[in-house]
Every structure is written in structure tokens, then in C-alpha cells.
């Protein structure tokens, strides 16, 4: 893994820590300071017990932690946003956002969906997982077979179509620039009667 920093064993630092235990004679108020190089361990004297205790602590430099969550992919400038999928949702579906920040496939037959239309998914996710939604710019997909220069509309269950709906709401999603490229241009819905 190129992102992992490896530390050679020669560059591991060791820190030597000395702890001094000092017991004072009973009834004494004096504080006794003794430099560590002059410490003696004297057994049998009731007024002095000095014992150096050595402890080694291993320190290392610049150890990288585990990788964090994947960031939002795609073009710069905030064209793609991350939300939570409300249900298992595939890529390339038009979705709306609910009050809790979850996205659901939009349907041109429901006013709630078209009024809260967020954009088109560019990743897939199961319910409760992060999903990426694009609101502007272009989306490419080799599986598309759009007629270039023809508008793309919202259909049922989040699907995209080049046939304008006959009932519900007319929602322009964008225009096909080529057979595999869609330029997003989401417009306000028009209620059909």
C-alpha cells in the first residue's frame, strides 16, 4: 500500500524514564531532594529507602492510521453531493430528498417527489448507506442510448426517458448531448391535466 508509512526499526525512539521512591522518616516535615545520580539503595536504615525504577517506553514517528471514508467522487465545484439512501437505490435514477436527508426514487406522478427533486444518482447504495447525487453538469454512461439533442424527462420510479409524460408532472431533467452523455438542466415541474 503506497499510502502506508513504514517506520524502520532503527528509527524507533526509546525514552528512559526513572521513577524515584522516597520514604521519609516518621514524624519528619522536611522534603528531601536528591539528584538521581547520587541515589543509593540502603537496606536496614529506617529513614531512607531510595530505589530507582527504570521503565522503557517505545515511541515511534509518523505512523499513519487507517484510511478514512471515501470522499465524494467526480467533478469539483459541488456538482455532486452525498446523501443517505432511503432504500436500495441504483445509479442513474432521479431522486427526491425527504425531511431527514434521505433520498428516494422520484416519480413524475407524485407532487411530493417532483417538488423535492434533488438530482440523479451517480452511485448505488443499499438503504441507510451513503449515495452520491449529481444536480448539475454532465453524466456519462456507456449503457445509455439517448437520441442526441433530445430532452430527457422524469418518468415513474426515478427512471429517465426521452418521451414526455402524459399524466402527472412534466419534469425536464436535461438534454442528451450524445448517445451516452446527459447534460443536467433540472427544471421546475409542470402539472399535467
C-alpha atoms as a PDB file:
ATOM      1  CA  UNK A   1       0.000   0.000   0.000  1.00  0.00           C
ATOM      2  CA  UNK A   2       1.660   3.250  -1.074  1.00  0.00           C
ATOM      3  CA  UNK A   3      -0.334   5.334   1.435  1.00  0.00           C
ATOM      4  CA  UNK A   4       1.067   3.461   4.445  1.00  0.00           C
ATOM      5  CA  UNK A   5       4.142   4.921   6.119  1.00  0.00           C
ATOM      6  CA  UNK A   6       6.636   2.267   7.148  1.00  0.00           C
ATOM      7  CA  UNK A   7       8.975   3.005  10.059  1.00  0.00           C
ATOM      8  CA  UNK A   8      12.315   1.189  10.104  1.00  0.00           C
ATOM      9  CA  UNK A   9      13.252  -0.375  13.450  1.00  0.00           C
ATOM     10  CA  UNK A  10      16.395   1.756  13.649  1.00  0.00           C
ATOM     11  CA  UNK A  11      14.284   4.930  13.773  1.00  0.00           C
ATOM     12  CA  UNK A  12      12.165   3.805  16.739  1.00  0.00           C
ATOM     13  CA  UNK A  13      12.834   6.131  19.654  1.00  0.00           C
ATOM     14  CA  UNK A  14      13.315   4.935  23.194  1.00  0.00           C
ATOM     15  CA  UNK A  15      12.683   7.142  26.182  1.00  0.00           C
ATOM     16  CA  UNK A  16      14.219   6.199  29.524  1.00  0.00           C
ATOM     17  CA  UNK A  17      12.101   7.161  32.498  1.00  0.00           C
ATOM     18  CA  UNK A  18      13.386   6.998  36.079  1.00  0.00           C
ATOM     19  CA  UNK A  19      10.970   6.923  38.962  1.00  0.00           C
ATOM     20  CA  UNK A  20      12.322   7.544  42.439  1.00  0.00           C
ATOM     21  CA  UNK A  21      10.510   6.249  45.507  1.00  0.00           C
ATOM     22  CA  UNK A  22      11.407   8.198  48.647  1.00  0.00           C
ATOM     23  CA  UNK A  23      10.152   7.265  52.094  1.00  0.00           C
ATOM     24  CA  UNK A  24      10.735   9.858  54.773  1.00  0.00           C
ATOM     25  CA  UNK A  25      11.332   9.089  58.462  1.00  0.00           C
ATOM     26  CA  UNK A  26       8.206   9.071  60.573  1.00  0.00           C
ATOM     27  CA  UNK A  27       7.307  12.454  62.051  1.00  0.00           C
ATOM     28  CA  UNK A  28       9.525  14.399  59.621  1.00  0.00           C
ATOM     29  CA  UNK A  29       8.199  17.522  57.832  1.00  0.00           C
ATOM     30  CA  UNK A  30      11.246  18.001  55.648  1.00  0.00           C
ATOM     31  CA  UNK A  31      11.237  17.453  51.906  1.00  0.00           C
ATOM     32  CA  UNK A  32      14.412  15.800  50.723  1.00  0.00           C
ATOM     33  CA  UNK A  33      15.585  16.335  47.153  1.00  0.00           C
ATOM     34  CA  UNK A  34      18.350  14.068  45.920  1.00  0.00           C
ATOM     35  CA  UNK A  35      19.851  14.196  42.395  1.00  0.00           C
ATOM     36  CA  UNK A  36      19.255  10.896  40.626  1.00  0.00           C
ATOM     37  CA  UNK A  37      22.979  10.244  40.076  1.00  0.00           C
ATOM     38  CA  UNK A  38      23.539  10.234  43.883  1.00  0.00           C
ATOM     39  CA  UNK A  39      20.877   7.652  44.694  1.00  0.00           C
ATOM     40  CA  UNK A  40      21.796   4.728  46.907  1.00  0.00           C
ATOM     41  CA  UNK A  41      19.793   1.756  47.918  1.00  0.00           C
ATOM     42  CA  UNK A  42      20.404   1.347  51.616  1.00  0.00           C
ATOM     43  CA  UNK A  43      18.723  -1.528  53.328  1.00  0.00           C
ATOM     44  CA  UNK A  44      18.462  -1.552  57.092  1.00  0.00           C
ATOM     45  CA  UNK A  45      18.160   2.210  57.674  1.00  0.00           C
ATOM     46  CA  UNK A  46      14.719   3.243  58.789  1.00  0.00           C
ATOM     47  CA  UNK A  47      14.974   6.754  57.459  1.00  0.00           C
ATOM     48  CA  UNK A  48      15.996   6.189  53.841  1.00  0.00           C
ATOM     49  CA  UNK A  49      14.772   3.878  51.127  1.00  0.00           C
ATOM     50  CA  UNK A  50      15.757   5.074  47.700  1.00  0.00           C
ATOM     51  CA  UNK A  51      15.114   2.809  44.761  1.00  0.00           C
ATOM     52  CA  UNK A  52      15.434   3.869  41.131  1.00  0.00           C
ATOM     53  CA  UNK A  53      12.979   2.094  38.867  1.00  0.00           C
ATOM     54  CA  UNK A  54      13.701   2.117  35.153  1.00  0.00           C
ATOM     55  CA  UNK A  55      10.929   1.787  32.625  1.00  0.00           C
ATOM     56  CA  UNK A  56      11.310   1.844  28.835  1.00  0.00           C
ATOM     57  CA  UNK A  57       8.620   3.417  26.699  1.00  0.00           C
ATOM     58  CA  UNK A  58       8.726   2.847  22.951  1.00  0.00           C
ATOM     59  CA  UNK A  59       7.843   5.825  20.794  1.00  0.00           C
ATOM     60  CA  UNK A  60       7.532   5.873  17.022  1.00  0.00           C
ATOM     61  CA  UNK A  61       7.349   8.664  14.499  1.00  0.00           C
ATOM     62  CA  UNK A  62       4.647   9.425  11.909  1.00  0.00           C
ATOM     63  CA  UNK A  63       2.563   6.288  11.945  1.00  0.00           C
ATOM     64  CA  UNK A  64      -0.413   6.679   9.625  1.00  0.00           C
ATOM     65  CA  UNK A  65      -3.759   5.469  10.868  1.00  0.00           C
ATOM     66  CA  UNK A  66      -6.365   3.510   8.912  1.00  0.00           C
ATOM     67  CA  UNK A  67      -7.878   5.128   5.809  1.00  0.00           C
ATOM     68  CA  UNK A  68     -10.985   7.249   6.296  1.00  0.00           C
ATOM     69  CA  UNK A  69     -14.270   7.012   4.407  1.00  0.00           C
ATOM     70  CA  UNK A  70     -14.265   7.515   0.660  1.00  0.00           C
ATOM     71  CA  UNK A  71     -14.846  11.104  -0.375  1.00  0.00           C
ATOM     72  CA  UNK A  72     -17.351  12.396  -2.861  1.00  0.00           C
ATOM     73  CA  UNK A  73     -16.234  11.466  -6.394  1.00  0.00           C
ATOM     74  CA  UNK A  74     -16.478  13.403  -9.584  1.00  0.00           C
ATOM     75  CA  UNK A  75     -16.157  16.978 -10.714  1.00  0.00           C
ATOM     76  CA  UNK A  76     -15.215  19.862  -8.457  1.00  0.00           C
ATOM     77  CA  UNK A  77     -17.433  22.744  -7.531  1.00  0.00           C
ATOM     78  CA  UNK A  78     -20.110  20.979  -5.530  1.00  0.00           C
ATOM     79  CA  UNK A  79     -21.826  19.335  -8.511  1.00  0.00           C
ATOM     80  CA  UNK A  80     -22.096  16.072  -6.575  1.00  0.00           C
ATOM     81  CA  UNK A  81     -23.470  15.797  -3.057  1.00  0.00           C
ATOM     82  CA  UNK A  82     -23.617  12.909  -0.637  1.00  0.00           C
ATOM     83  CA  UNK A  83     -26.877  11.868   0.985  1.00  0.00           C
ATOM     84  CA  UNK A  84     -28.275   8.705   2.616  1.00  0.00           C
ATOM     85  CA  UNK A  85     -30.229   6.227   0.504  1.00  0.00           C
ATOM     86  CA  UNK A  86     -33.705   5.622   1.938  1.00  0.00           C
ATOM     87  CA  UNK A  87     -33.855   2.224   0.224  1.00  0.00           C
ATOM     88  CA  UNK A  88     -31.713   0.135  -2.113  1.00  0.00           C
ATOM     89  CA  UNK A  89     -31.125   2.547  -4.987  1.00  0.00           C
ATOM     90  CA  UNK A  90     -29.168   2.075  -8.188  1.00  0.00           C
ATOM     91  CA  UNK A  91     -27.151   4.649 -10.071  1.00  0.00           C
ATOM     92  CA  UNK A  92     -28.714   6.839 -12.778  1.00  0.00           C
ATOM     93  CA  UNK A  93     -32.086   7.341 -11.095  1.00  0.00           C
ATOM     94  CA  UNK A  94     -33.724  10.709 -10.414  1.00  0.00           C
ATOM     95  CA  UNK A  95     -34.252  11.049  -6.659  1.00  0.00           C
ATOM     96  CA  UNK A  96     -36.002  13.390  -4.247  1.00  0.00           C
ATOM     97  CA  UNK A  97     -34.883  14.245  -0.702  1.00  0.00           C
ATOM     98  CA  UNK A  98     -37.155  13.817   2.332  1.00  0.00           C
ATOM     99  CA  UNK A  99     -37.148  15.897   5.544  1.00  0.00           C
ATOM    100  CA  UNK A 100     -34.491  13.681   7.119  1.00  0.00           C
ATOM    101  CA  UNK A 101     -31.915  13.953   4.313  1.00  0.00           C
ATOM    102  CA  UNK A 102     -32.637  10.536   2.811  1.00  0.00           C
ATOM    103  CA  UNK A 103     -33.162  10.174  -0.935  1.00  0.00           C
ATOM    104  CA  UNK A 104     -35.787   8.073  -2.687  1.00  0.00           C
ATOM    105  CA  UNK A 105     -36.530   7.385  -6.377  1.00  0.00           C
ATOM    106  CA  UNK A 106     -38.756  10.190  -7.664  1.00  0.00           C
ATOM    107  CA  UNK A 107     -41.961   9.574  -9.589  1.00  0.00           C
ATOM    108  CA  UNK A 108     -43.495  12.076 -12.022  1.00  0.00           C
ATOM    109  CA  UNK A 109     -46.977  11.097 -10.768  1.00  0.00           C
ATOM    110  CA  UNK A 110     -46.406  12.373  -7.208  1.00  0.00           C
ATOM    111  CA  UNK A 111     -46.239  16.088  -6.444  1.00  0.00           C
ATOM    112  CA  UNK A 112     -44.166  15.495  -3.287  1.00  0.00           C
ATOM    113  CA  UNK A 113     -41.455  13.800  -5.371  1.00  0.00           C
ATOM    114  CA  UNK A 114     -41.188  16.412  -8.113  1.00  0.00           C
ATOM    115  CA  UNK A 115     -41.216  19.390  -5.736  1.00  0.00           C
ATOM    116  CA  UNK A 116     -38.319  17.931  -3.702  1.00  0.00           C
ATOM    117  CA  UNK A 117     -36.363  16.609  -6.707  1.00  0.00           C
ATOM    118  CA  UNK A 118     -32.670  16.619  -5.823  1.00  0.00           C
ATOM    119  CA  UNK A 119     -30.851  15.206  -8.841  1.00  0.00           C
ATOM    120  CA  UNK A 120     -29.607  11.987 -10.451  1.00  0.00           C
ATOM    121  CA  UNK A 121     -27.707   9.286  -8.540  1.00  0.00           C
ATOM    122  CA  UNK A 122     -24.174   8.572  -9.757  1.00  0.00           C
ATOM    123  CA  UNK A 123     -23.568   5.690  -7.373  1.00  0.00           C
ATOM    124  CA  UNK A 124     -25.644   2.848  -5.970  1.00  0.00           C
ATOM    125  CA  UNK A 125     -26.338   2.135  -2.305  1.00  0.00           C
ATOM    126  CA  UNK A 126     -28.415  -0.004  -0.003  1.00  0.00           C
ATOM    127  CA  UNK A 127     -30.848   1.611   2.425  1.00  0.00           C
ATOM    128  CA  UNK A 128     -29.110   3.676   5.113  1.00  0.00           C
ATOM    129  CA  UNK A 129     -25.800   3.884   3.229  1.00  0.00           C
ATOM    130  CA  UNK A 130     -24.220   6.982   1.603  1.00  0.00           C
ATOM    131  CA  UNK A 131     -25.181   7.660  -2.011  1.00  0.00           C
ATOM    132  CA  UNK A 132     -23.873  10.322  -4.405  1.00  0.00           C
ATOM    133  CA  UNK A 133     -26.314  12.583  -6.243  1.00  0.00           C
ATOM    134  CA  UNK A 134     -25.456  14.993  -9.058  1.00  0.00           C
ATOM    135  CA  UNK A 135     -27.522  18.134  -9.638  1.00  0.00           C
ATOM    136  CA  UNK A 136     -25.693  19.881 -12.486  1.00  0.00           C
ATOM    137  CA  UNK A 137     -23.073  19.221 -15.137  1.00  0.00           C
ATOM    138  CA  UNK A 138     -22.961  16.190 -17.379  1.00  0.00           C
ATOM    139  CA  UNK A 139     -23.202  12.470 -16.649  1.00  0.00           C
ATOM    140  CA  UNK A 140     -21.700   9.811 -18.915  1.00  0.00           C
ATOM    141  CA  UNK A 141     -22.787   6.182 -19.045  1.00  0.00           C
ATOM    142  CA  UNK A 142     -21.833   3.663 -21.726  1.00  0.00           C
ATOM    143  CA  UNK A 143     -25.154   1.814 -21.245  1.00  0.00           C
ATOM    144  CA  UNK A 144     -27.297   4.759 -22.342  1.00  0.00           C
ATOM    145  CA  UNK A 145     -28.658   5.049 -25.883  1.00  0.00           C
ATOM    146  CA  UNK A 146     -30.036   8.577 -25.975  1.00  0.00           C
ATOM    147  CA  UNK A 147     -31.027  10.378 -29.152  1.00  0.00           C
ATOM    148  CA  UNK A 148     -28.580  13.326 -29.242  1.00  0.00           C
ATOM    149  CA  UNK A 149     -30.185  16.770 -28.968  1.00  0.00           C
ATOM    150  CA  UNK A 150     -33.431  15.417 -27.477  1.00  0.00           C
ATOM    151  CA  UNK A 151     -34.666  16.342 -23.989  1.00  0.00           C
ATOM    152  CA  UNK A 152     -34.724  13.850 -21.092  1.00  0.00           C
ATOM    153  CA  UNK A 153     -37.647  13.745 -18.650  1.00  0.00           C
ATOM    154  CA  UNK A 154     -38.513  12.151 -15.307  1.00  0.00           C
ATOM    155  CA  UNK A 155     -40.656   9.029 -15.586  1.00  0.00           C
ATOM    156  CA  UNK A 156     -42.004   6.630 -12.933  1.00  0.00           C
ATOM    157  CA  UNK A 157     -39.803   5.191 -10.148  1.00  0.00           C
ATOM    158  CA  UNK A 158     -36.895   7.540 -10.859  1.00  0.00           C
ATOM    159  CA  UNK A 159     -36.324   6.343 -14.417  1.00  0.00           C
ATOM    160  CA  UNK A 160     -35.263   8.770 -17.127  1.00  0.00           C
ATOM    161  CA  UNK A 161     -36.931   8.877 -20.546  1.00  0.00           C
ATOM    162  CA  UNK A 162     -36.935  10.927 -23.729  1.00  0.00           C
ATOM    163  CA  UNK A 163     -40.708  10.560 -24.002  1.00  0.00           C
ATOM    164  CA  UNK A 164     -42.570  13.380 -22.200  1.00  0.00           C
ATOM    165  CA  UNK A 165     -45.084  12.054 -19.645  1.00  0.00           C
ATOM    166  CA  UNK A 166     -48.796  12.250 -20.463  1.00  0.00           C
ATOM    167  CA  UNK A 167     -50.016  12.370 -16.828  1.00  0.00           C
ATOM    168  CA  UNK A 168     -48.691  13.634 -13.523  1.00  0.00           C
ATOM    169  CA  UNK A 169     -45.936  16.223 -13.905  1.00  0.00           C
ATOM    170  CA  UNK A 170     -43.652  17.168 -16.773  1.00  0.00           C
ATOM    171  CA  UNK A 171     -40.156  17.469 -15.260  1.00  0.00           C
ATOM    172  CA  UNK A 172     -37.250  18.261 -17.559  1.00  0.00           C
ATOM    173  CA  UNK A 173     -34.063  16.583 -16.299  1.00  0.00           C
ATOM    174  CA  UNK A 174     -31.762  17.701 -19.113  1.00  0.00           C
ATOM    175  CA  UNK A 175     -30.693  17.147 -22.701  1.00  0.00           C
ATOM    176  CA  UNK A 176     -28.825  14.269 -24.319  1.00  0.00           C
ATOM    177  CA  UNK A 177     -25.588  15.622 -25.809  1.00  0.00           C
ATOM    178  CA  UNK A 178     -24.686  12.236 -27.283  1.00  0.00           C
ATOM    179  CA  UNK A 179     -25.908   8.660 -27.032  1.00  0.00           C
ATOM    180  CA  UNK A 180     -24.016   8.244 -23.740  1.00  0.00           C
ATOM    181  CA  UNK A 181     -23.905  11.777 -22.263  1.00  0.00           C
ATOM    182  CA  UNK A 182     -26.654  13.662 -20.423  1.00  0.00           C
ATOM    183  CA  UNK A 183     -26.344  17.368 -19.600  1.00  0.00           C
ATOM    184  CA  UNK A 184     -28.376  18.027 -16.453  1.00  0.00           C
ATOM    185  CA  UNK A 185     -30.715  21.025 -16.553  1.00  0.00           C
ATOM    186  CA  UNK A 186     -33.391  20.226 -13.961  1.00  0.00           C
ATOM    187  CA  UNK A 187     -36.415  22.478 -14.356  1.00  0.00           C
ATOM    188  CA  UNK A 188     -39.472  23.185 -12.189  1.00  0.00           C
ATOM    189  CA  UNK A 189     -42.299  20.685 -12.705  1.00  0.00           C
ATOM    190  CA  UNK A 190     -45.315  21.464 -14.847  1.00  0.00           C
ATOM    191  CA  UNK A 191     -48.529  19.810 -13.678  1.00  0.00           C
ATOM    192  CA  UNK A 192     -50.313  17.960 -16.476  1.00  0.00           C
ATOM    193  CA  UNK A 193     -54.125  17.803 -16.597  1.00  0.00           C
END
